[in-house]
C-alpha atoms as a PDB file:
ATOM      1  CA  MET A   1     -87.069-140.434 135.371  1.00  0.00           C
ATOM      2  CA  THR A   2     -86.306-137.771 137.851  1.00  0.00           C
ATOM      3  CA  CYS A   3     -82.988-137.658 139.195  1.00  0.00           C
ATOM      4  CA  ALA A   4     -81.859-136.834 142.750  1.00  0.00           C
ATOM      5  CA  GLU A   5     -81.155-133.175 141.579  1.00  0.00           C
ATOM      6  CA  GLY A   6     -84.691-132.950 140.469  1.00  0.00           C
ATOM      7  CA  ILE A   7     -83.910-132.965 136.688  1.00  0.00           C
ATOM      8  CA  THR A   8     -86.464-134.935 134.632  1.00  0.00           C
ATOM      9  CA  PHE A   9     -85.301-136.785 131.641  1.00  0.00           C
ATOM     10  CA  THR A  10     -88.151-137.983 129.198  1.00  0.00           C
ATOM     11  CA  ALA A  11     -85.882-140.124 126.722  1.00  0.00           C
ATOM     12  CA  THR A  12     -86.818-143.399 125.597  1.00  0.00           C
ATOM     13  CA  TYR A  13     -84.737-146.320 126.653  1.00  0.00           C
ATOM     14  CA  ARG A  14     -83.861-149.735 125.106  1.00  0.00           C
ATOM     15  CA  LEU A  15     -82.663-152.502 127.305  1.00  0.00           C
ATOM     16  CA  LEU A  16     -80.892-155.672 126.364  1.00  0.00           C
ATOM     17  CA  THR A  17     -80.163-158.253 128.697  1.00  0.00           C
ATOM     18  CA  ALA A  18     -80.329-161.869 129.476  1.00  0.00           C
ATOM     19  CA  LEU A  19     -82.453-161.496 132.507  1.00  0.00           C
ATOM     20  CA  THR A  20     -85.834-162.269 130.822  1.00  0.00           C
ATOM     21  CA  ASP A  21     -88.199-162.525 133.776  1.00  0.00           C
ATOM     22  CA  PRO A  22     -90.072-159.087 133.569  1.00  0.00           C
ATOM     23  CA  ARG A  23     -91.517-159.630 137.250  1.00  0.00           C
ATOM     24  CA  ARG A  24     -88.027-160.264 138.859  1.00  0.00           C
ATOM     25  CA  PHE A  25     -86.140-157.576 136.753  1.00  0.00           C
ATOM     26  CA  PRO A  26     -88.555-154.923 135.567  1.00  0.00           C
ATOM     27  CA  ALA A  27     -86.909-152.874 132.929  1.00  0.00           C
ATOM     28  CA  THR A  28     -87.683-149.519 134.632  1.00  0.00           C
ATOM     29  CA  THR A  29     -85.601-150.383 137.732  1.00  0.00           C
ATOM     30  CA  TRP A  30     -82.671-151.302 135.535  1.00  0.00           C
ATOM     31  CA  VAL A  31     -82.792-148.034 133.570  1.00  0.00           C
ATOM     32  CA  GLN A  32     -82.991-146.127 136.985  1.00  0.00           C
ATOM     33  CA  LEU A  33     -79.821-148.291 138.030  1.00  0.00           C
ATOM     34  CA  TYR A  34     -78.041-147.867 134.952  1.00  0.00           C
ATOM     35  CA  HIS A  35     -78.465-144.202 135.234  1.00  0.00           C
ATOM     36  CA  GLN A  36     -77.425-144.081 138.941  1.00  0.00           C
ATOM     37  CA  ARG A  37     -74.207-145.785 137.820  1.00  0.00           C
ATOM     38  CA  TRP A  38     -73.016-143.080 135.817  1.00  0.00           C
ATOM     39  CA  GLU A  39     -73.785-140.585 138.286  1.00  0.00           C
ATOM     40  CA  HIS A  40     -70.929-141.636 140.512  1.00  0.00           C
END
């Protein structure tokens, strides 16, 4: 994942959720949104 500042993270993420349809809720999108949440 690359942040807005250009910093790249290569960690492994585990996502636990009740949203089980991977087409509607792809994990990569949720990881990016979670990261953005903590930037604010």
